[in-house]
Amino acid sequence: MSIKRIIILLLISLAGILVFRKAILREVTKKWEKESLVYETDDFKIEMAMNLSKGCAKRGIDFYGDTIMIYNFKLNDILLFLTQKNINSSEFSNSAKIPPKGFNFSYYPKDSTVNYKLNKTEILDKLSGEFNFKYHYDSVQMREYVAKLVDKEKLNKKKVGEKIGKFRLGKDYIEFMGNDLDGVFRAFNFSVNGQVFQNNIKDSQFYSFKVPSVKRDEILTYFDKKLGIEFNEKEIMTEIFIVDFE
């Protein structure tokens, strides 16, 4: 048997193992669910179920082409994913009424080109009826902080040799582990309310550091004193996704 044929057989076997593993994972996960919603149209199907798993529960998002499977996320986080919004481009009122449990959400297109974004409004309308909330979009003015590097030597002191790409958000700190600067500012925009940053620094290195506050002025001071990064402020108009739970 030729080496080329052996390689082809190995690749086919590996692909089969991965598909089988995903199928088993999905079947096991279904046993940890309490069905909440099934909705089907000519173009797509969505399923949503409360996640009942305990201990170290699976949590994440899987993509297979335009098929999406979200595991163990709260309803508000699923809504942010579907609308491509973050904590600084959304607003939730009556948040105490958001279901406290995590949900598993799946989107299955019936055609390879039917991405969930094309059906976003219909999906949101269905979820709003199921979970008793109203939603709309509005334009608001926000203050954005545009980063500029003024002292490369300070930043180099925080440089690490490899990309880890993790961050940890605490009550009064945010810690970065092997992130590039785009990842750092993206983490703020998705995780720390009111801190909207734009990165204009062209840099491909990775950094680890801990900002000992999540307050605006103290964040800006840390970047200036410890990282050699200053910010220009500007007012921007941005679209905000507003959700009111009834």
C-alpha atoms as a PDB file:
ATOM      1  CA  MET A   1       0.000   0.000   0.000  1.00  0.00           C
ATOM      2  CA  SER A   2       1.424   3.397  -0.992  1.00  0.00           C
ATOM      3  CA  ILE A   3       2.209   6.074   1.566  1.00  0.00           C
ATOM      4  CA  LYS A   4      -0.255   8.422  -0.130  1.00  0.00           C
ATOM      5  CA  ARG A   5      -3.085   5.898   0.237  1.00  0.00           C
ATOM      6  CA  ILE A   6      -2.190   5.273   3.896  1.00  0.00           C
ATOM      7  CA  ILE A   7      -2.320   9.015   4.614  1.00  0.00           C
ATOM      8  CA  ILE A   8      -5.719   9.305   2.903  1.00  0.00           C
ATOM      9  CA  LEU A   9      -7.107   6.391   4.955  1.00  0.00           C
ATOM     10  CA  LEU A  10      -5.749   7.918   8.167  1.00  0.00           C
ATOM     11  CA  LEU A  11      -7.380  11.277   7.383  1.00  0.00           C
ATOM     12  CA  ILE A  12     -10.720   9.608   6.632  1.00  0.00           C
ATOM     13  CA  SER A  13     -10.501   7.630   9.889  1.00  0.00           C
ATOM     14  CA  LEU A  14      -9.663  10.764  11.874  1.00  0.00           C
ATOM     15  CA  ALA A  15     -12.610  12.641  10.359  1.00  0.00           C
ATOM     16  CA  GLY A  16     -14.905   9.726  11.238  1.00  0.00           C
ATOM     17  CA  ILE A  17     -13.672   9.713  14.838  1.00  0.00           C
ATOM     18  CA  LEU A  18     -14.309  13.475  15.198  1.00  0.00           C
ATOM     19  CA  VAL A  19     -17.835  13.222  13.781  1.00  0.00           C
ATOM     20  CA  PHE A  20     -18.587  10.248  16.059  1.00  0.00           C
ATOM     21  CA  ARG A  21     -17.210  12.120  19.079  1.00  0.00           C
ATOM     22  CA  LYS A  22     -19.392  15.165  18.357  1.00  0.00           C
ATOM     23  CA  ALA A  23     -22.456  12.962  17.929  1.00  0.00           C
ATOM     24  CA  ILE A  24     -21.805  11.209  21.256  1.00  0.00           C
ATOM     25  CA  LEU A  25     -21.238  14.544  23.011  1.00  0.00           C
ATOM     26  CA  ARG A  26     -24.517  15.876  21.655  1.00  0.00           C
ATOM     27  CA  GLU A  27     -26.402  12.736  22.700  1.00  0.00           C
ATOM     28  CA  VAL A  28     -24.952  12.855  26.226  1.00  0.00           C
ATOM     29  CA  THR A  29     -25.753  16.570  26.487  1.00  0.00           C
ATOM     30  CA  LYS A  30     -29.403  15.926  25.547  1.00  0.00           C
ATOM     31  CA  LYS A  31     -29.734  13.796  28.694  1.00  0.00           C
ATOM     32  CA  TRP A  32     -28.881  16.895  30.737  1.00  0.00           C
ATOM     33  CA  GLU A  33     -31.579  19.037  29.183  1.00  0.00           C
ATOM     34  CA  LYS A  34     -35.129  20.091  29.953  1.00  0.00           C
ATOM     35  CA  GLU A  35     -36.744  20.941  26.633  1.00  0.00           C
ATOM     36  CA  SER A  36     -37.985  24.516  26.398  1.00  0.00           C
ATOM     37  CA  LEU A  37     -38.458  25.419  22.734  1.00  0.00           C
ATOM     38  CA  VAL A  38     -38.449  23.826  19.290  1.00  0.00           C
ATOM     39  CA  TYR A  39     -39.227  26.040  16.302  1.00  0.00           C
ATOM     40  CA  GLU A  40     -38.955  25.088  12.635  1.00  0.00           C
ATOM     41  CA  THR A  41     -39.465  26.922   9.342  1.00  0.00           C
ATOM     42  CA  ASP A  42     -38.748  26.072   5.720  1.00  0.00           C
ATOM     43  CA  ASP A  43     -35.286  27.635   6.123  1.00  0.00           C
ATOM     44  CA  PHE A  44     -34.072  26.637   9.580  1.00  0.00           C
ATOM     45  CA  LYS A  45     -34.769  24.942  12.885  1.00  0.00           C
ATOM     46  CA  ILE A  46     -33.900  26.116  16.394  1.00  0.00           C
ATOM     47  CA  GLU A  47     -33.928  24.154  19.623  1.00  0.00           C
ATOM     48  CA  MET A  48     -33.523  25.541  23.119  1.00  0.00           C
ATOM     49  CA  ALA A  49     -33.420  23.626  26.373  1.00  0.00           C
ATOM     50  CA  MET A  50     -32.529  24.357  29.975  1.00  0.00           C
ATOM     51  CA  ASN A  51     -29.152  22.880  30.904  1.00  0.00           C
ATOM     52  CA  LEU A  52     -29.483  20.637  33.973  1.00  0.00           C
ATOM     53  CA  SER A  53     -25.890  19.391  34.121  1.00  0.00           C
ATOM     54  CA  LYS A  54     -24.018  19.626  37.414  1.00  0.00           C
ATOM     55  CA  GLY A  55     -20.362  19.772  38.360  1.00  0.00           C
ATOM     56  CA  CYS A  56     -17.942  20.716  35.575  1.00  0.00           C
ATOM     57  CA  ALA A  57     -20.583  21.369  32.931  1.00  0.00           C
ATOM     58  CA  LYS A  58     -19.716  21.787  29.267  1.00  0.00           C
ATOM     59  CA  ARG A  59     -19.889  25.428  28.249  1.00  0.00           C
ATOM     60  CA  GLY A  60     -19.013  26.817  24.866  1.00  0.00           C
ATOM     61  CA  ILE A  61     -20.038  27.443  21.268  1.00  0.00           C
ATOM     62  CA  ASP A  62     -19.526  24.979  18.413  1.00  0.00           C
ATOM     63  CA  PHE A  63     -19.753  25.844  14.728  1.00  0.00           C
ATOM     64  CA  TYR A  64     -20.259  23.347  11.869  1.00  0.00           C
ATOM     65  CA  GLY A  65     -20.579  25.463   8.756  1.00  0.00           C
ATOM     66  CA  ASP A  66     -23.683  27.562   9.490  1.00  0.00           C
ATOM     67  CA  THR A  67     -24.930  25.189  12.199  1.00  0.00           C
ATOM     68  CA  ILE A  68     -24.428  26.595  15.714  1.00  0.00           C
ATOM     69  CA  MET A  69     -24.595  24.836  19.073  1.00  0.00           C
ATOM     70  CA  ILE A  70     -24.372  26.919  22.254  1.00  0.00           C
ATOM     71  CA  TYR A  71     -23.927  25.038  25.521  1.00  0.00           C
ATOM     72  CA  ASN A  72     -24.854  26.289  28.992  1.00  0.00           C
ATOM     73  CA  PHE A  73     -25.126  30.041  28.392  1.00  0.00           C
ATOM     74  CA  LYS A  74     -27.628  32.300  30.118  1.00  0.00           C
ATOM     75  CA  LEU A  75     -30.441  33.710  28.011  1.00  0.00           C
ATOM     76  CA  ASN A  76     -29.047  37.258  27.957  1.00  0.00           C
ATOM     77  CA  ASP A  77     -25.671  35.974  26.692  1.00  0.00           C
ATOM     78  CA  ILE A  78     -27.404  33.996  23.928  1.00  0.00           C
ATOM     79  CA  LEU A  79     -29.263  37.167  22.897  1.00  0.00           C
ATOM     80  CA  LEU A  80     -25.986  39.086  22.764  1.00  0.00           C
ATOM     81  CA  PHE A  81     -24.449  36.383  20.588  1.00  0.00           C
ATOM     82  CA  LEU A  82     -27.400  36.338  18.176  1.00  0.00           C
ATOM     83  CA  THR A  83     -27.319  40.129  17.785  1.00  0.00           C
ATOM     84  CA  GLN A  84     -23.501  40.351  17.720  1.00  0.00           C
ATOM     85  CA  LYS A  85     -23.607  42.791  20.637  1.00  0.00           C
ATOM     86  CA  ASN A  86     -21.604  43.114  23.842  1.00  0.00           C
ATOM     87  CA  ILE A  87     -22.062  44.548  27.313  1.00  0.00           C
ATOM     88  CA  ASN A  88     -21.357  48.061  26.014  1.00  0.00           C
ATOM     89  CA  SER A  89     -23.793  47.913  23.097  1.00  0.00           C
ATOM     90  CA  SER A  90     -26.773  46.445  24.961  1.00  0.00           C
ATOM     91  CA  GLU A  91     -29.105  47.249  27.823  1.00  0.00           C
ATOM     92  CA  PHE A  92     -31.258  44.852  29.875  1.00  0.00           C
ATOM     93  CA  SER A  93     -34.059  46.145  32.112  1.00  0.00           C
ATOM     94  CA  ASN A  94     -35.804  44.056  34.778  1.00  0.00           C
ATOM     95  CA  SER A  95     -32.739  41.800  34.670  1.00  0.00           C
ATOM     96  CA  ALA A  96     -33.941  40.044  37.829  1.00  0.00           C
ATOM     97  CA  LYS A  97     -36.518  38.326  35.604  1.00  0.00           C
ATOM     98  CA  ILE A  98     -33.870  36.788  33.330  1.00  0.00           C
ATOM     99  CA  PRO A  99     -33.929  32.999  33.911  1.00  0.00           C
ATOM    100  CA  PRO A 100     -30.980  32.166  36.201  1.00  0.00           C
ATOM    101  CA  LYS A 101     -30.278  28.789  34.590  1.00  0.00           C
ATOM    102  CA  GLY A 102     -28.077  28.175  31.585  1.00  0.00           C
ATOM    103  CA  PHE A 103     -29.542  27.076  28.250  1.00  0.00           C
ATOM    104  CA  ASN A 104     -28.425  24.983  25.304  1.00  0.00           C
ATOM    105  CA  PHE A 105     -29.338  26.631  22.010  1.00  0.00           C
ATOM    106  CA  SER A 106     -29.001  25.140  18.513  1.00  0.00           C
ATOM    107  CA  TYR A 107     -29.544  26.597  15.063  1.00  0.00           C
ATOM    108  CA  TYR A 108     -29.771  24.208  12.104  1.00  0.00           C
ATOM    109  CA  PRO A 109     -30.013  25.694   8.579  1.00  0.00           C
ATOM    110  CA  LYS A 110     -31.801  23.669   5.891  1.00  0.00           C
ATOM    111  CA  ASP A 111     -29.534  25.162   3.250  1.00  0.00           C
ATOM    112  CA  SER A 112     -25.805  25.763   3.563  1.00  0.00           C
ATOM    113  CA  THR A 113     -26.253  29.479   2.848  1.00  0.00           C
ATOM    114  CA  VAL A 114     -28.920  30.180   5.483  1.00  0.00           C
ATOM    115  CA  ASN A 115     -26.726  31.760   8.156  1.00  0.00           C
ATOM    116  CA  TYR A 116     -28.453  32.561  11.454  1.00  0.00           C
ATOM    117  CA  LYS A 117     -27.828  36.300  10.884  1.00  0.00           C
ATOM    118  CA  LEU A 118     -30.270  36.201   7.965  1.00  0.00           C
ATOM    119  CA  ASN A 119     -33.006  34.954  10.327  1.00  0.00           C
ATOM    120  CA  LYS A 120     -31.987  36.963  13.398  1.00  0.00           C
ATOM    121  CA  THR A 121     -35.233  38.949  13.657  1.00  0.00           C
ATOM    122  CA  GLU A 122     -37.469  35.881  13.352  1.00  0.00           C
ATOM    123  CA  ILE A 123     -35.404  34.033  15.967  1.00  0.00           C
ATOM    124  CA  LEU A 124     -35.511  36.978  18.371  1.00  0.00           C
ATOM    125  CA  ASP A 125     -39.272  37.347  17.889  1.00  0.00           C
ATOM    126  CA  LYS A 126     -39.771  33.674  18.735  1.00  0.00           C
ATOM    127  CA  LEU A 127     -37.544  33.872  21.813  1.00  0.00           C
ATOM    128  CA  SER A 128     -39.237  37.074  22.985  1.00  0.00           C
ATOM    129  CA  GLY A 129     -42.635  35.366  22.913  1.00  0.00           C
ATOM    130  CA  GLU A 130     -41.285  32.299  24.703  1.00  0.00           C
ATOM    131  CA  PHE A 131     -39.421  34.161  27.455  1.00  0.00           C
ATOM    132  CA  ASN A 132     -41.613  37.256  27.875  1.00  0.00           C
ATOM    133  CA  PHE A 133     -39.390  40.117  26.818  1.00  0.00           C
ATOM    134  CA  LYS A 134     -39.587  42.976  24.345  1.00  0.00           C
ATOM    135  CA  TYR A 135     -36.643  44.322  22.390  1.00  0.00           C
ATOM    136  CA  HIS A 136     -35.723  47.176  20.090  1.00  0.00           C
ATOM    137  CA  TYR A 137     -32.688  49.044  18.814  1.00  0.00           C
ATOM    138  CA  ASP A 138     -31.730  52.637  19.481  1.00  0.00           C
ATOM    139  CA  SER A 139     -28.851  54.986  18.702  1.00  0.00           C
ATOM    140  CA  VAL A 140     -26.969  56.457  21.647  1.00  0.00           C
ATOM    141  CA  GLN A 141     -23.958  58.688  22.092  1.00  0.00           C
ATOM    142  CA  MET A 142     -21.038  57.124  23.942  1.00  0.00           C
ATOM    143  CA  ARG A 143     -17.531  58.141  24.913  1.00  0.00           C
ATOM    144  CA  GLU A 144     -14.827  56.032  23.284  1.00  0.00           C
ATOM    145  CA  TYR A 145     -11.171  55.865  24.289  1.00  0.00           C
ATOM    146  CA  VAL A 146      -8.705  55.547  21.400  1.00  0.00           C
ATOM    147  CA  ALA A 147      -5.382  53.979  22.427  1.00  0.00           C
ATOM    148  CA  LYS A 148      -1.990  55.348  21.402  1.00  0.00           C
ATOM    149  CA  LEU A 149       1.445  54.029  22.416  1.00  0.00           C
ATOM    150  CA  VAL A 150       3.769  56.638  23.974  1.00  0.00           C
ATOM    151  CA  ASP A 151       6.341  54.470  25.805  1.00  0.00           C
ATOM    152  CA  LYS A 152       7.246  51.156  24.149  1.00  0.00           C
ATOM    153  CA  GLU A 153       9.760  50.260  26.906  1.00  0.00           C
ATOM    154  CA  LYS A 154       7.025  50.140  29.557  1.00  0.00           C
ATOM    155  CA  LEU A 155       4.864  47.876  27.397  1.00  0.00           C
ATOM    156  CA  ASN A 156       7.797  45.566  26.621  1.00  0.00           C
ATOM    157  CA  LYS A 157       8.163  44.783  30.345  1.00  0.00           C
ATOM    158  CA  LYS A 158       4.790  42.968  30.161  1.00  0.00           C
ATOM    159  CA  LYS A 159       5.640  41.003  27.006  1.00  0.00           C
ATOM    160  CA  VAL A 160       5.451  37.186  27.035  1.00  0.00           C
ATOM    161  CA  GLY A 161       6.692  34.706  24.465  1.00  0.00           C
ATOM    162  CA  GLU A 162       3.504  32.891  23.555  1.00  0.00           C
ATOM    163  CA  LYS A 163      -0.175  33.483  22.919  1.00  0.00           C
ATOM    164  CA  ILE A 164      -2.459  32.144  25.648  1.00  0.00           C
ATOM    165  CA  GLY A 165      -5.407  34.387  24.863  1.00  0.00           C
ATOM    166  CA  LYS A 166      -7.116  34.260  28.264  1.00  0.00           C
ATOM    167  CA  PHE A 167      -8.381  36.874  30.664  1.00  0.00           C
ATOM    168  CA  ARG A 168      -9.959  36.744  34.112  1.00  0.00           C
ATOM    169  CA  LEU A 169     -12.495  39.316  35.314  1.00  0.00           C
ATOM    170  CA  GLY A 170     -12.783  39.765  39.071  1.00  0.00           C
ATOM    171  CA  LYS A 171     -14.900  42.079  41.173  1.00  0.00           C
ATOM    172  CA  ASP A 172     -12.174  44.724  41.262  1.00  0.00           C
ATOM    173  CA  TYR A 173      -9.575  43.612  38.691  1.00  0.00           C
ATOM    174  CA  ILE A 174      -9.085  42.263  35.201  1.00  0.00           C
ATOM    175  CA  GLU A 175      -6.093  40.029  34.444  1.00  0.00           C
ATOM    176  CA  PHE A 176      -4.714  39.213  30.998  1.00  0.00           C
ATOM    177  CA  MET A 177      -2.645  36.130  30.154  1.00  0.00           C
ATOM    178  CA  GLY A 178      -0.832  36.088  26.833  1.00  0.00           C
ATOM    179  CA  ASN A 179      -3.133  38.450  24.907  1.00  0.00           C
ATOM    180  CA  ASP A 180      -2.372  40.735  21.996  1.00  0.00           C
ATOM    181  CA  LEU A 181      -3.551  44.337  22.338  1.00  0.00           C
ATOM    182  CA  ASP A 182      -6.603  43.753  20.137  1.00  0.00           C
ATOM    183  CA  GLY A 183      -7.634  40.958  22.516  1.00  0.00           C
ATOM    184  CA  VAL A 184      -7.059  43.168  25.558  1.00  0.00           C
ATOM    185  CA  PHE A 185      -9.312  45.980  24.371  1.00  0.00           C
ATOM    186  CA  ARG A 186     -11.902  43.544  23.007  1.00  0.00           C
ATOM    187  CA  ALA A 187     -12.097  41.945  26.483  1.00  0.00           C
ATOM    188  CA  PHE A 188     -12.824  45.325  28.061  1.00  0.00           C
ATOM    189  CA  ASN A 189     -15.555  46.083  25.546  1.00  0.00           C
ATOM    190  CA  PHE A 190     -17.227  42.714  26.114  1.00  0.00           C
ATOM    191  CA  SER A 191     -16.798  42.461  29.888  1.00  0.00           C
ATOM    192  CA  VAL A 192     -16.477  45.814  31.661  1.00  0.00           C
ATOM    193  CA  ASN A 193     -19.532  48.038  31.463  1.00  0.00           C
ATOM    194  CA  GLY A 194     -18.908  51.595  30.301  1.00  0.00           C
ATOM    195  CA  GLN A 195     -15.300  51.119  29.145  1.00  0.00           C
ATOM    196  CA  VAL A 196     -15.382  51.398  25.348  1.00  0.00           C
ATOM    197  CA  PHE A 197     -11.924  51.198  23.789  1.00  0.00           C
ATOM    198  CA  GLN A 198     -10.567  51.335  20.273  1.00  0.00           C
ATOM    199  CA  ASN A 199      -7.078  50.026  19.553  1.00  0.00           C
ATOM    200  CA  ASN A 200      -5.079  52.051  17.036  1.00  0.00           C
ATOM    201  CA  ILE A 201      -1.721  50.519  18.026  1.00  0.00           C
ATOM    202  CA  LYS A 202      -0.163  48.289  15.373  1.00  0.00           C
ATOM    203  CA  ASP A 203       1.501  45.508  17.356  1.00  0.00           C
ATOM    204  CA  SER A 204       1.636  41.699  17.128  1.00  0.00           C
ATOM    205  CA  GLN A 205       3.216  40.814  20.485  1.00  0.00           C
ATOM    206  CA  PHE A 206       1.551  39.113  23.471  1.00  0.00           C
ATOM    207  CA  TYR A 207       1.311  40.481  26.994  1.00  0.00           C
ATOM    208  CA  SER A 208       0.390  39.417  30.522  1.00  0.00           C
ATOM    209  CA  PHE A 209      -0.600  41.913  33.208  1.00  0.00           C
ATOM    210  CA  LYS A 210      -3.224  42.601  35.875  1.00  0.00           C
ATOM    211  CA  VAL A 211      -5.195  45.846  36.008  1.00  0.00           C
ATOM    212  CA  PRO A 212      -6.087  46.268  39.723  1.00  0.00           C
ATOM    213  CA  SER A 213      -9.402  48.049  39.075  1.00  0.00           C
ATOM    214  CA  VAL A 214     -12.416  48.078  36.756  1.00  0.00           C
ATOM    215  CA  LYS A 215     -13.070  51.805  37.294  1.00  0.00           C
ATOM    216  CA  ARG A 216     -12.531  54.050  34.290  1.00  0.00           C
ATOM    217  CA  ASP A 217     -10.053  56.556  35.733  1.00  0.00           C
ATOM    218  CA  GLU A 218      -7.974  53.885  37.437  1.00  0.00           C
ATOM    219  CA  ILE A 219      -7.870  51.770  34.261  1.00  0.00           C
ATOM    220  CA  LEU A 220      -6.645  54.761  32.268  1.00  0.00           C
ATOM    221  CA  THR A 221      -4.034  55.564  34.919  1.00  0.00           C
ATOM    222  CA  TYR A 222      -2.730  51.980  34.927  1.00  0.00           C
ATOM    223  CA  PHE A 223      -2.322  51.921  31.151  1.00  0.00           C
ATOM    224  CA  ASP A 224      -0.499  55.250  31.242  1.00  0.00           C
ATOM    225  CA  LYS A 225       1.845  54.563  34.195  1.00  0.00           C
ATOM    226  CA  LYS A 226       2.492  50.838  33.710  1.00  0.00           C
ATOM    227  CA  LEU A 227       2.058  50.183  29.984  1.00  0.00           C
ATOM    228  CA  GLY A 228       2.946  53.483  28.341  1.00  0.00           C
ATOM    229  CA  ILE A 229      -0.446  53.710  26.633  1.00  0.00           C
ATOM    230  CA  GLU A 230      -2.512  56.894  26.615  1.00  0.00           C
ATOM    231  CA  PHE A 231      -6.004  57.506  25.265  1.00  0.00           C
ATOM    232  CA  ASN A 232      -7.706  60.167  23.201  1.00  0.00           C
ATOM    233  CA  GLU A 233     -11.378  60.628  24.012  1.00  0.00           C
ATOM    234  CA  LYS A 234     -14.086  61.076  21.400  1.00  0.00           C
ATOM    235  CA  GLU A 235     -17.878  60.973  21.260  1.00  0.00           C
ATOM    236  CA  ILE A 236     -19.415  58.357  18.963  1.00  0.00           C
ATOM    237  CA  MET A 237     -22.934  57.351  17.944  1.00  0.00           C
ATOM    238  CA  THR A 238     -23.541  53.636  18.222  1.00  0.00           C
ATOM    239  CA  GLU A 239     -26.459  51.225  17.905  1.00  0.00           C
ATOM    240  CA  ILE A 240     -27.631  49.702  21.161  1.00  0.00           C
ATOM    241  CA  PHE A 241     -29.775  46.580  21.644  1.00  0.00           C
ATOM    242  CA  ILE A 242     -32.387  47.154  24.372  1.00  0.00           C
ATOM    243  CA  VAL A 243     -34.224  44.279  26.068  1.00  0.00           C
ATOM    244  CA  ASP A 244     -37.051  44.656  28.571  1.00  0.00           C
ATOM    245  CA  PHE A 245     -38.101  41.530  30.487  1.00  0.00           C
ATOM    246  CA  GLU A 246     -41.735  41.664  31.565  1.00  0.00           C
END
